[in-house]
PDB file of all heavy atoms in Angstrom:
ATOM      1  N   ILE A   1     133.422  71.545  96.703  1.00  0.00           N
ATOM      2  CA  ILE A   1     133.148  70.763  95.494  1.00  0.00           C
ATOM      3  C   ILE A   1     131.647  70.753  95.201  1.00  0.00           C
ATOM      4  O   ILE A   1     131.226  70.936  94.056  1.00  0.00           O
ATOM      5  CB  ILE A   1     133.699  69.329  95.647  1.00  0.00           C
ATOM      6  CG1 ILE A   1     135.229  69.361  95.716  1.00  0.00           C
ATOM      7  CG2 ILE A   1     133.238  68.455  94.485  1.00  0.00           C
ATOM      8  CD1 ILE A   1     135.873  68.014  96.008  1.00  0.00           C
ATOM      9  N   SER A   2     130.840  70.561  96.234  1.00  0.00           N
ATOM     10  CA  SER A   2     129.382  70.561  96.042  1.00  0.00           C
ATOM     11  C   SER A   2     128.894  71.914  95.533  1.00  0.00           C
ATOM     12  O   SER A   2     128.090  71.992  94.594  1.00  0.00           O
ATOM     13  CB  SER A   2     128.670  70.235  97.360  1.00  0.00           C
ATOM     14  OG  SER A   2     128.988  68.947  97.792  1.00  0.00           O
ATOM     15  N   ASP A   3     129.400  72.975  96.150  1.00  0.00           N
ATOM     16  CA  ASP A   3     128.996  74.319  95.743  1.00  0.00           C
ATOM     17  C   ASP A   3     129.393  74.593  94.301  1.00  0.00           C
ATOM     18  O   ASP A   3     128.640  75.205  93.540  1.00  0.00           O
ATOM     19  CB  ASP A   3     129.634  75.371  96.658  1.00  0.00           C
ATOM     20  CG  ASP A   3     129.042  75.365  98.063  1.00  0.00           C
ATOM     21  OD1 ASP A   3     127.993  74.717  98.251  1.00  0.00           O
ATOM     22  OD2 ASP A   3     129.646  75.991  98.954  1.00  0.00           O
ATOM     23  N   ALA A   4     130.583  74.144  93.926  1.00  0.00           N
ATOM     24  CA  ALA A   4     131.058  74.365  92.561  1.00  0.00           C
ATOM     25  C   ALA A   4     130.198  73.601  91.556  1.00  0.00           C
ATOM     26  O   ALA A   4     129.865  74.113  90.481  1.00  0.00           O
ATOM     27  CB  ALA A   4     132.516  73.943  92.438  1.00  0.00           C
ATOM     28  N   ALA A   5     129.832  72.381  91.905  1.00  0.00           N
ATOM     29  CA  ALA A   5     129.026  71.559  91.003  1.00  0.00           C
ATOM     30  C   ALA A   5     127.621  72.139  90.812  1.00  0.00           C
ATOM     31  O   ALA A   5     127.016  71.980  89.746  1.00  0.00           O
ATOM     32  CB  ALA A   5     128.931  70.137  91.534  1.00  0.00           C
ATOM     33  N   MET A   6     127.115  72.815  91.845  1.00  0.00           N
ATOM     34  CA  MET A   6     125.768  73.386  91.776  1.00  0.00           C
ATOM     35  C   MET A   6     125.762  74.856  91.357  1.00  0.00           C
ATOM     36  O   MET A   6     124.705  75.462  91.224  1.00  0.00           O
ATOM     37  CB  MET A   6     125.090  73.236  93.128  1.00  0.00           C
ATOM     38  CG  MET A   6     124.841  71.786  93.517  1.00  0.00           C
ATOM     39  SD  MET A   6     123.939  71.602  95.085  1.00  0.00           S
ATOM     40  CE  MET A   6     125.169  72.102  96.279  1.00  0.00           C
ATOM     41  N   SER A   7     126.939  75.415  91.130  1.00  0.00           N
ATOM     42  CA  SER A   7     127.071  76.840  90.845  1.00  0.00           C
ATOM     43  C   SER A   7     126.365  77.262  89.557  1.00  0.00           C
ATOM     44  O   SER A   7     126.239  76.493  88.600  1.00  0.00           O
ATOM     45  CB  SER A   7     128.560  77.194  90.737  1.00  0.00           C
ATOM     46  OG  SER A   7     128.733  78.501  90.252  1.00  0.00           O
ATOM     47  N   ASP A   8     125.947  78.519  89.544  1.00  0.00           N
ATOM     48  CA  ASP A   8     125.304  79.089  88.354  1.00  0.00           C
ATOM     49  C   ASP A   8     126.287  79.271  87.203  1.00  0.00           C
ATOM     50  O   ASP A   8     125.873  79.573  86.081  1.00  0.00           O
ATOM     51  CB  ASP A   8     124.678  80.445  88.699  1.00  0.00           C
ATOM     52  CG  ASP A   8     123.457  80.297  89.602  1.00  0.00           C
ATOM     53  OD1 ASP A   8     122.905  79.180  89.651  1.00  0.00           O
ATOM     54  OD2 ASP A   8     123.081  81.290  90.253  1.00  0.00           O
ATOM     55  N   ILE A   9     127.570  79.126  87.481  1.00  0.00           N
ATOM     56  CA  ILE A   9     128.573  79.223  86.421  1.00  0.00           C
ATOM     57  C   ILE A   9     128.381  78.093  85.404  1.00  0.00           C
ATOM     58  O   ILE A   9     128.769  78.205  84.253  1.00  0.00           O
ATOM     59  CB  ILE A   9     130.001  79.164  87.022  1.00  0.00           C
ATOM     60  CG1 ILE A   9     131.046  79.642  86.004  1.00  0.00           C
ATOM     61  CG2 ILE A   9     130.383  77.772  87.448  1.00  0.00           C
ATOM     62  CD1 ILE A   9     132.452  79.710  86.578  1.00  0.00           C
ATOM     63  N   ARG A  10     127.723  77.019  85.860  1.00  0.00           N
ATOM     64  CA  ARG A  10     127.482  75.862  84.987  1.00  0.00           C
ATOM     65  C   ARG A  10     126.093  75.957  84.352  1.00  0.00           C
ATOM     66  O   ARG A  10     125.121  76.328  85.011  1.00  0.00           O
ATOM     67  CB  ARG A  10     127.575  74.567  85.783  1.00  0.00           C
ATOM     68  CG  ARG A  10     128.880  74.382  86.523  1.00  0.00           C
ATOM     69  CD  ARG A  10     128.913  73.032  87.223  1.00  0.00           C
ATOM     70  NE  ARG A  10     128.979  71.942  86.259  1.00  0.00           N
ATOM     71  CZ  ARG A  10     128.435  70.746  86.432  1.00  0.00           C
ATOM     72  NH1 ARG A  10     127.730  70.506  87.532  1.00  0.00           N
ATOM     73  NH2 ARG A  10     128.565  69.811  85.512  1.00  0.00           N
ATOM     74  N   SER A  11     126.004  75.568  83.100  1.00  0.00           N
ATOM     75  CA  SER A  11     124.719  75.571  82.401  1.00  0.00           C
ATOM     76  C   SER A  11     123.898  74.359  82.845  1.00  0.00           C
ATOM     77  O   SER A  11     124.437  73.373  83.360  1.00  0.00           O
ATOM     78  CB  SER A  11     124.939  75.510  80.892  1.00  0.00           C
ATOM     79  OG  SER A  11     125.478  74.243  80.512  1.00  0.00           O
ATOM     80  N   GLU A  12     122.604  74.434  82.633  1.00  0.00           N
ATOM     81  CA  GLU A  12     121.743  73.294  82.962  1.00  0.00           C
ATOM     82  C   GLU A  12     122.088  72.100  82.076  1.00  0.00           C
ATOM     83  O   GLU A  12     121.990  70.944  82.512  1.00  0.00           O
ATOM     84  CB  GLU A  12     120.269  73.680  82.794  1.00  0.00           C
ATOM     85  CG  GLU A  12     119.789  74.672  83.832  1.00  0.00           C
ATOM     86  CD  GLU A  12     120.030  74.199  85.254  1.00  0.00           C
ATOM     87  OE1 GLU A  12     119.692  73.029  85.565  1.00  0.00           O
ATOM     88  OE2 GLU A  12     120.565  74.986  86.067  1.00  0.00           O
ATOM     89  N   LYS A  13     122.499  72.376  80.856  1.00  0.00           N
ATOM     90  CA  LYS A  13     122.902  71.298  79.941  1.00  0.00           C
ATOM     91  C   LYS A  13     124.127  70.567  80.494  1.00  0.00           C
ATOM     92  O   LYS A  13     124.204  69.336  80.432  1.00  0.00           O
ATOM     93  CB  LYS A  13     123.225  71.877  78.557  1.00  0.00           C
ATOM     94  CG  LYS A  13     123.594  70.828  77.517  1.00  0.00           C
ATOM     95  CD  LYS A  13     123.859  71.479  76.165  1.00  0.00           C
ATOM     96  CE  LYS A  13     124.242  70.431  75.127  1.00  0.00           C
ATOM     97  NZ  LYS A  13     124.524  71.064  73.792  1.00  0.00           N
ATOM     98  N   ALA A  14     125.072  71.326  81.035  1.00  0.00           N
ATOM     99  CA  ALA A  14     126.262  70.715  81.628  1.00  0.00           C
ATOM    100  C   ALA A  14     125.890  69.891  82.855  1.00  0.00           C
ATOM    101  O   ALA A  14     126.361  68.757  83.031  1.00  0.00           O
ATOM    102  CB  ALA A  14     127.276  71.787  81.996  1.00  0.00           C
ATOM    103  N   LYS A  15     125.046  70.442  83.699  1.00  0.00           N
ATOM    104  CA  LYS A  15     124.648  69.738  84.923  1.00  0.00           C
ATOM    105  C   LYS A  15     123.903  68.443  84.618  1.00  0.00           C
ATOM    106  O   LYS A  15     123.962  67.480  85.386  1.00  0.00           O
ATOM    107  CB  LYS A  15     123.776  70.653  85.789  1.00  0.00           C
ATOM    108  CG  LYS A  15     124.529  71.811  86.411  1.00  0.00           C
ATOM    109  CD  LYS A  15     123.607  72.732  87.192  1.00  0.00           C
ATOM    110  CE  LYS A  15     124.361  73.910  87.789  1.00  0.00           C
ATOM    111  NZ  LYS A  15     123.463  74.857  88.505  1.00  0.00           N
ATOM    112  N   ALA A  16     123.217  68.395  83.486  1.00  0.00           N
ATOM    113  CA  ALA A  16     122.472  67.197  83.107  1.00  0.00           C
ATOM    114  C   ALA A  16     123.392  66.001  82.884  1.00  0.00           C
ATOM    115  O   ALA A  16     122.960  64.845  82.977  1.00  0.00           O
ATOM    116  CB  ALA A  16     121.653  67.465  81.848  1.00  0.00           C
ATOM    117  N   ARG A  17     124.674  66.258  82.594  1.00  0.00           N
ATOM    118  CA  ARG A  17     125.636  65.179  82.360  1.00  0.00           C
ATOM    119  C   ARG A  17     126.191  64.614  83.661  1.00  0.00           C
ATOM    120  O   ARG A  17     126.875  63.597  83.655  1.00  0.00           O
ATOM    121  CB  ARG A  17     126.803  65.668  81.484  1.00  0.00           C
ATOM    122  CG  ARG A  17     126.357  66.405  80.264  1.00  0.00           C
ATOM    123  CD  ARG A  17     126.227  65.629  78.989  1.00  0.00           C
ATOM    124  NE  ARG A  17     125.922  64.239  78.950  1.00  0.00           N
ATOM    125  CZ  ARG A  17     124.757  63.749  78.509  1.00  0.00           C
ATOM    126  NH1 ARG A  17     123.780  64.550  78.160  1.00  0.00           N
ATOM    127  NH2 ARG A  17     124.575  62.468  78.419  1.00  0.00           N
ATOM    128  N   ASP A  18     125.916  65.281  84.802  1.00  0.00           N
ATOM    129  CA  ASP A  18     126.432  64.812  86.091  1.00  0.00           C
ATOM    130  C   ASP A  18     125.969  63.393  86.402  1.00  0.00           C
ATOM    131  O   ASP A  18     126.667  62.637  87.083  1.00  0.00           O
ATOM    132  CB  ASP A  18     125.988  65.743  87.220  1.00  0.00           C
ATOM    133  CG  ASP A  18     126.682  67.097  87.184  1.00  0.00           C
ATOM    134  OD1 ASP A  18     127.481  67.331  86.248  1.00  0.00           O
ATOM    135  OD2 ASP A  18     126.425  67.915  88.074  1.00  0.00           O
ATOM    136  N   GLU A  19     124.800  63.046  85.895  1.00  0.00           N
ATOM    137  CA  GLU A  19     124.244  61.712  86.116  1.00  0.00           C
ATOM    138  C   GLU A  19     125.203  60.628  85.630  1.00  0.00           C
ATOM    139  O   GLU A  19     125.265  59.531  86.199  1.00  0.00           O
ATOM    140  CB  GLU A  19     122.907  61.595  85.376  1.00  0.00           C
ATOM    141  CG  GLU A  19     122.278  60.223  85.417  1.00  0.00           C
ATOM    142  CD  GLU A  19     121.032  60.123  84.555  1.00  0.00           C
ATOM    143  OE1 GLU A  19     120.613  61.148  83.983  1.00  0.00           O
ATOM    144  OE2 GLU A  19     120.489  59.008  84.457  1.00  0.00           O
ATOM    145  N   TYR A  20     125.951  60.936  84.571  1.00  0.00           N
ATOM    146  CA  TYR A  20     126.852  59.964  83.973  1.00  0.00           C
ATOM    147  C   TYR A  20     128.318  60.195  84.348  1.00  0.00           C
ATOM    148  O   TYR A  20     129.119  59.263  84.341  1.00  0.00           O
ATOM    149  CB  TYR A  20     126.741  60.018  82.441  1.00  0.00           C
ATOM    150  CG  TYR A  20     125.340  59.828  81.941  1.00  0.00           C
ATOM    151  CD1 TYR A  20     124.599  60.905  81.458  1.00  0.00           C
ATOM    152  CD2 TYR A  20     124.735  58.568  81.958  1.00  0.00           C
ATOM    153  CE1 TYR A  20     123.298  60.738  81.002  1.00  0.00           C
ATOM    154  CE2 TYR A  20     123.444  58.393  81.512  1.00  0.00           C
ATOM    155  CZ  TYR A  20     122.724  59.486  81.032  1.00  0.00           C
ATOM    156  OH  TYR A  20     121.442  59.310  80.587  1.00  0.00           O
ATOM    157  N   ARG A  21     128.680  61.436  84.672  1.00  0.00           N
ATOM    158  CA  ARG A  21     130.095  61.773  84.887  1.00  0.00           C
ATOM    159  C   ARG A  21     130.488  61.933  86.345  1.00  0.00           C
ATOM    160  O   ARG A  21     131.668  62.017  86.657  1.00  0.00           O
ATOM    161  CB  ARG A  21     130.430  63.046  84.092  1.00  0.00           C
ATOM    162  CG  ARG A  21     130.208  62.853  82.607  1.00  0.00           C
ATOM    163  CD  ARG A  21     130.517  64.081  81.786  1.00  0.00           C
ATOM    164  NE  ARG A  21     130.295  63.815  80.370  1.00  0.00           N
ATOM    165  CZ  ARG A  21     130.465  64.698  79.382  1.00  0.00           C
ATOM    166  NH1 ARG A  21     130.879  65.926  79.684  1.00  0.00           N
ATOM    167  NH2 ARG A  21     130.235  64.360  78.133  1.00  0.00           N
ATOM    168  N   HIS A  22     129.518  62.021  87.228  1.00  0.00           N
ATOM    169  CA  HIS A  22     129.760  62.017  88.675  1.00  0.00           C
ATOM    170  C   HIS A  22     130.927  62.912  89.100  1.00  0.00           C
ATOM    171  O   HIS A  22     131.876  62.442  89.750  1.00  0.00           O
ATOM    172  CB  HIS A  22     130.032  60.578  89.140  1.00  0.00           C
ATOM    173  CG  HIS A  22     129.071  59.572  88.582  1.00  0.00           C
ATOM    174  ND1 HIS A  22     129.371  58.754  87.508  1.00  0.00           N
ATOM    175  CD2 HIS A  22     127.785  59.281  88.929  1.00  0.00           C
ATOM    176  CE1 HIS A  22     128.339  57.981  87.230  1.00  0.00           C
ATOM    177  NE2 HIS A  22     127.360  58.287  88.063  1.00  0.00           N
ATOM    178  N   PRO A  23     130.881  64.180  88.759  1.00  0.00           N
ATOM    179  CA  PRO A  23     132.032  65.044  89.040  1.00  0.00           C
ATOM    180  C   PRO A  23     132.363  65.201  90.516  1.00  0.00           C
ATOM    181  O   PRO A  23     133.545  65.238  90.893  1.00  0.00           O
ATOM    182  CB  PRO A  23     131.633  66.381  88.418  1.00  0.00           C
ATOM    183  CG  PRO A  23     130.138  66.362  88.388  1.00  0.00           C
ATOM    184  CD  PRO A  23     129.792  64.928  88.098  1.00  0.00           C
ATOM    185  N   GLN A  24     131.346  65.288  91.366  1.00  0.00           N
ATOM    186  CA  GLN A  24     131.628  65.459  92.794  1.00  0.00           C
ATOM    187  C   GLN A  24     132.359  64.240  93.359  1.00  0.00           C
ATOM    188  O   GLN A  24     133.394  64.366  94.037  1.00  0.00           O
ATOM    189  CB  GLN A  24     130.334  65.693  93.573  1.00  0.00           C
ATOM    190  CG  GLN A  24     129.648  67.009  93.247  1.00  0.00           C
ATOM    191  CD  GLN A  24     128.531  67.308  94.223  1.00  0.00           C
ATOM    192  OE1 GLN A  24     128.725  67.273  95.435  1.00  0.00           O
ATOM    193  NE2 GLN A  24     127.351  67.606  93.710  1.00  0.00           N
ATOM    194  N   GLN A  25     131.835  63.064  93.087  1.00  0.00           N
ATOM    195  CA  GLN A  25     132.455  61.843  93.596  1.00  0.00           C
ATOM    196  C   GLN A  25     133.848  61.647  92.996  1.00  0.00           C
ATOM    197  O   GLN A  25     134.776  61.211  93.684  1.00  0.00           O
ATOM    198  CB  GLN A  25     131.565  60.630  93.268  1.00  0.00           C
ATOM    199  CG  GLN A  25     130.180  60.694  93.880  1.00  0.00           C
ATOM    200  CD  GLN A  25     129.134  61.296  92.938  1.00  0.00           C
ATOM    201  OE1 GLN A  25     129.395  62.273  92.235  1.00  0.00           O
ATOM    202  NE2 GLN A  25     127.947  60.708  92.937  1.00  0.00           N
ATOM    203  N   THR A  26     133.983  61.973  91.723  1.00  0.00           N
ATOM    204  CA  THR A  26     135.267  61.803  91.037  1.00  0.00           C
ATOM    205  C   THR A  26     136.336  62.705  91.638  1.00  0.00           C
ATOM    206  O   THR A  26     137.459  62.261  91.920  1.00  0.00           O
ATOM    207  CB  THR A  26     135.112  62.099  89.535  1.00  0.00           C
ATOM    208  OG1 THR A  26     134.159  61.183  88.966  1.00  0.00           O
ATOM    209  CG2 THR A  26     136.432  61.960  88.806  1.00  0.00           C
ATOM    210  N   LEU A  27     136.000  63.966  91.848  1.00  0.00           N
ATOM    211  CA  LEU A  27     136.981  64.910  92.379  1.00  0.00           C
ATOM    212  C   LEU A  27     137.321  64.624  93.833  1.00  0.00           C
ATOM    213  O   LEU A  27     138.452  64.853  94.277  1.00  0.00           O
ATOM    214  CB  LEU A  27     136.486  66.341  92.192  1.00  0.00           C
ATOM    215  CG  LEU A  27     136.353  66.781  90.726  1.00  0.00           C
ATOM    216  CD1 LEU A  27     135.805  68.192  90.622  1.00  0.00           C
ATOM    217  CD2 LEU A  27     137.687  66.676  89.991  1.00  0.00           C
ATOM    218  N   ARG A  28     136.363  64.129  94.604  1.00  0.00           N
ATOM    219  CA  ARG A  28     136.678  63.737  95.974  1.00  0.00           C
ATOM    220  C   ARG A  28     137.596  62.517  95.984  1.00  0.00           C
ATOM    221  O   ARG A  28     138.498  62.400  96.823  1.00  0.00           O
ATOM    222  CB  ARG A  28     135.393  63.453  96.761  1.00  0.00           C
ATOM    223  CG  ARG A  28     134.600  64.714  97.045  1.00  0.00           C
ATOM    224  CD  ARG A  28     133.548  64.500  98.126  1.00  0.00           C
ATOM    225  NE  ARG A  28     132.796  65.736  98.294  1.00  0.00           N
ATOM    226  CZ  ARG A  28     131.603  65.977  97.746  1.00  0.00           C
ATOM    227  NH1 ARG A  28     131.023  65.059  97.007  1.00  0.00           N
ATOM    228  NH2 ARG A  28     130.989  67.118  97.932  1.00  0.00           N
ATOM    229  N   PHE A  29     137.360  61.608  95.058  1.00  0.00           N
ATOM    230  CA  PHE A  29     138.227  60.435  94.959  1.00  0.00           C
ATOM    231  C   PHE A  29     139.668  60.847  94.642  1.00  0.00           C
ATOM    232  O   PHE A  29     140.619  60.317  95.227  1.00  0.00           O
ATOM    233  CB  PHE A  29     137.704  59.490  93.873  1.00  0.00           C
ATOM    234  CG  PHE A  29     138.653  58.376  93.517  1.00  0.00           C
ATOM    235  CD1 PHE A  29     138.883  57.333  94.409  1.00  0.00           C
ATOM    236  CD2 PHE A  29     139.331  58.384  92.307  1.00  0.00           C
ATOM    237  CE1 PHE A  29     139.775  56.309  94.092  1.00  0.00           C
ATOM    238  CE2 PHE A  29     140.217  57.367  91.982  1.00  0.00           C
ATOM    239  CZ  PHE A  29     140.433  56.333  92.880  1.00  0.00           C
ATOM    240  N   PHE A  30     139.830  61.808  93.754  1.00  0.00           N
ATOM    241  CA  PHE A  30     141.173  62.271  93.420  1.00  0.00           C
ATOM    242  C   PHE A  30     141.809  63.079  94.554  1.00  0.00           C
ATOM    243  O   PHE A  30     143.027  63.236  94.603  1.00  0.00           O
ATOM    244  CB  PHE A  30     141.139  63.117  92.144  1.00  0.00           C
ATOM    245  CG  PHE A  30     140.900  62.323  90.883  1.00  0.00           C
ATOM    246  CD1 PHE A  30     140.146  62.866  89.842  1.00  0.00           C
ATOM    247  CD2 PHE A  30     141.422  61.058  90.728  1.00  0.00           C
ATOM    248  CE1 PHE A  30     139.942  62.144  88.672  1.00  0.00           C
ATOM    249  CE2 PHE A  30     141.199  60.320  89.564  1.00  0.00           C
ATOM    250  CZ  PHE A  30     140.455  60.866  88.533  1.00  0.00           C
ATOM    251  N   GLY A  31     140.988  63.593  95.463  1.00  0.00           N
ATOM    252  CA  GLY A  31     141.513  64.327  96.609  1.00  0.00           C
ATOM    253  C   GLY A  31     141.644  65.819  96.381  1.00  0.00           C
ATOM    254  O   GLY A  31     142.465  66.480  97.033  1.00  0.00           O
ATOM    255  N   LEU A  32     140.827  66.377  95.513  1.00  0.00           N
ATOM    256  CA  LEU A  32     140.886  67.817  95.229  1.00  0.00           C
ATOM    257  C   LEU A  32     140.604  68.648  96.473  1.00  0.00           C
ATOM    258  O   LEU A  32     139.650  68.391  97.207  1.00  0.00           O
ATOM    259  CB  LEU A  32     139.866  68.174  94.140  1.00  0.00           C
ATOM    260  CG  LEU A  32     139.794  69.653  93.766  1.00  0.00           C
ATOM    261  CD1 LEU A  32     141.077  70.107  93.086  1.00  0.00           C
ATOM    262  CD2 LEU A  32     138.580  69.919  92.867  1.00  0.00           C
ATOM    263  N   LYS A  33     141.445  69.667  96.705  1.00  0.00           N
ATOM    264  CA  LYS A  33     141.260  70.599  97.819  1.00  0.00           C
ATOM    265  C   LYS A  33     141.371  72.030  97.304  1.00  0.00           C
ATOM    266  O   LYS A  33     142.053  72.287  96.310  1.00  0.00           O
ATOM    267  CB  LYS A  33     142.311  70.342  98.904  1.00  0.00           C
ATOM    268  CG  LYS A  33     142.193  68.968  99.550  1.00  0.00           C
ATOM    269  CD  LYS A  33     143.274  68.756 100.585  1.00  0.00           C
ATOM    270  CE  LYS A  33     143.175  67.363 101.203  1.00  0.00           C
ATOM    271  NZ  LYS A  33     144.264  67.111 102.186  1.00  0.00           N
ATOM    272  N   PRO A  34     140.699  72.971  97.979  1.00  0.00           N
ATOM    273  CA  PRO A  34     140.649  74.352  97.497  1.00  0.00           C
ATOM    274  C   PRO A  34     141.999  75.062  97.384  1.00  0.00           C
ATOM    275  O   PRO A  34     142.120  76.026  96.632  1.00  0.00           O
ATOM    276  CB  PRO A  34     139.760  75.048  98.537  1.00  0.00           C
ATOM    277  CG  PRO A  34     138.895  73.970  99.076  1.00  0.00           C
ATOM    278  CD  PRO A  34     139.784  72.767  99.135  1.00  0.00           C
ATOM    279  N   ASP A  35     143.009  74.605  98.115  1.00  0.00           N
ATOM    280  CA  ASP A  35     144.291  75.310  98.089  1.00  0.00           C
ATOM    281  C   ASP A  35     145.293  74.715  97.098  1.00  0.00           C
ATOM    282  O   ASP A  35     146.473  75.064  97.106  1.00  0.00           O
ATOM    283  CB  ASP A  35     144.915  75.334  99.493  1.00  0.00           C
ATOM    284  CG  ASP A  35     145.206  73.941 100.041  1.00  0.00           C
ATOM    285  OD1 ASP A  35     144.795  72.938  99.406  1.00  0.00           O
ATOM    286  OD2 ASP A  35     145.843  73.852 101.109  1.00  0.00           O
ATOM    287  N   MET A  36     144.831  73.846  96.239  1.00  0.00           N
ATOM    288  CA  MET A  36     145.735  73.181  95.295  1.00  0.00           C
ATOM    289  C   MET A  36     145.969  73.985  94.009  1.00  0.00           C
ATOM    290  O   MET A  36     145.104  74.751  93.581  1.00  0.00           O
ATOM    291  CB  MET A  36     145.176  71.811  94.904  1.00  0.00           C
ATOM    292  CG  MET A  36     145.306  70.750  95.956  1.00  0.00           C
ATOM    293  SD  MET A  36     144.665  69.158  95.354  1.00  0.00           S
ATOM    294  CE  MET A  36     145.333  68.047  96.600  1.00  0.00           C
ATOM    295  N   THR A  37     147.122  73.748  93.399  1.00  0.00           N
ATOM    296  CA  THR A  37     147.373  74.178  92.019  1.00  0.00           C
ATOM    297  C   THR A  37     147.022  72.990  91.145  1.00  0.00           C
ATOM    298  O   THR A  37     147.646  71.932  91.235  1.00  0.00           O
ATOM    299  CB  THR A  37     148.845  74.565  91.806  1.00  0.00           C
ATOM    300  OG1 THR A  37     149.133  75.741  92.569  1.00  0.00           O
ATOM    301  CG2 THR A  37     149.130  74.850  90.330  1.00  0.00           C
ATOM    302  N   VAL A  38     145.985  73.163  90.334  1.00  0.00           N
ATOM    303  CA  VAL A  38     145.447  72.073  89.525  1.00  0.00           C
ATOM    304  C   VAL A  38     145.612  72.379  88.041  1.00  0.00           C
ATOM    305  O   VAL A  38     145.215  73.455  87.566  1.00  0.00           O
ATOM    306  CB  VAL A  38     143.957  71.843  89.831  1.00  0.00           C
ATOM    307  CG1 VAL A  38     143.403  70.708  88.978  1.00  0.00           C
ATOM    308  CG2 VAL A  38     143.759  71.539  91.308  1.00  0.00           C
ATOM    309  N   VAL A  39     146.190  71.431  87.327  1.00  0.00           N
ATOM    310  CA  VAL A  39     146.331  71.553  85.873  1.00  0.00           C
ATOM    311  C   VAL A  39     145.345  70.600  85.219  1.00  0.00           C
ATOM    312  O   VAL A  39     145.389  69.393  85.473  1.00  0.00           O
ATOM    313  CB  VAL A  39     147.756  71.219  85.406  1.00  0.00           C
ATOM    314  CG1 VAL A  39     147.874  71.396  83.888  1.00  0.00           C
ATOM    315  CG2 VAL A  39     148.788  72.084  86.120  1.00  0.00           C
ATOM    316  N   GLU A  40     144.449  71.132  84.403  1.00  0.00           N
ATOM    317  CA  GLU A  40     143.555  70.276  83.625  1.00  0.00           C
ATOM    318  C   GLU A  40     144.086  70.210  82.202  1.00  0.00           C
ATOM    319  O   GLU A  40     144.233  71.238  81.530  1.00  0.00           O
ATOM    320  CB  GLU A  40     142.121  70.797  83.630  1.00  0.00           C
ATOM    321  CG  GLU A  40     141.196  69.840  82.874  1.00  0.00           C
ATOM    322  CD  GLU A  40     139.753  70.323  82.755  1.00  0.00           C
ATOM    323  OE1 GLU A  40     139.474  71.467  83.161  1.00  0.00           O
ATOM    324  OE2 GLU A  40     138.924  69.559  82.238  1.00  0.00           O
ATOM    325  N   VAL A  41     144.346  69.015  81.725  1.00  0.00           N
ATOM    326  CA  VAL A  41     144.906  68.815  80.394  1.00  0.00           C
ATOM    327  C   VAL A  41     143.779  68.628  79.384  1.00  0.00           C
ATOM    328  O   VAL A  41     142.888  67.797  79.576  1.00  0.00           O
ATOM    329  CB  VAL A  41     145.842  67.591  80.371  1.00  0.00           C
ATOM    330  CG1 VAL A  41     146.493  67.444  78.993  1.00  0.00           C
ATOM    331  CG2 VAL A  41     146.918  67.719  81.449  1.00  0.00           C
ATOM    332  N   SER A  42     143.819  69.424  78.324  1.00  0.00           N
ATOM    333  CA  SER A  42     142.810  69.377  77.259  1.00  0.00           C
ATOM    334  C   SER A  42     141.401  69.582  77.808  1.00  0.00           C
ATOM    335  O   SER A  42     140.543  68.686  77.755  1.00  0.00           O
ATOM    336  CB  SER A  42     142.896  68.050  76.492  1.00  0.00           C
ATOM    337  OG  SER A  42     144.162  67.873  75.912  1.00  0.00           O
ATOM    338  N   PRO A  43     141.119  70.767  78.346  1.00  0.00           N
ATOM    339  CA  PRO A  43     139.823  71.029  78.982  1.00  0.00           C
ATOM    340  C   PRO A  43     138.663  71.244  78.015  1.00  0.00           C
ATOM    341  O   PRO A  43     137.514  71.353  78.449  1.00  0.00           O
ATOM    342  CB  PRO A  43     140.089  72.300  79.786  1.00  0.00           C
ATOM    343  CG  PRO A  43     141.143  73.015  78.998  1.00  0.00           C
ATOM    344  CD  PRO A  43     142.036  71.924  78.481  1.00  0.00           C
TER     345      PRO A  43
END
């Protein structure tokens, strides 16, 4: 999750929103794991 959040696949503009959206903490709270099938609705 940390590597994905810091990845170059993300723009600096996107990363700037992490301050408010806390993606790493949010995804850990939900229990995301690398071997899951994940459906994102309205991405």
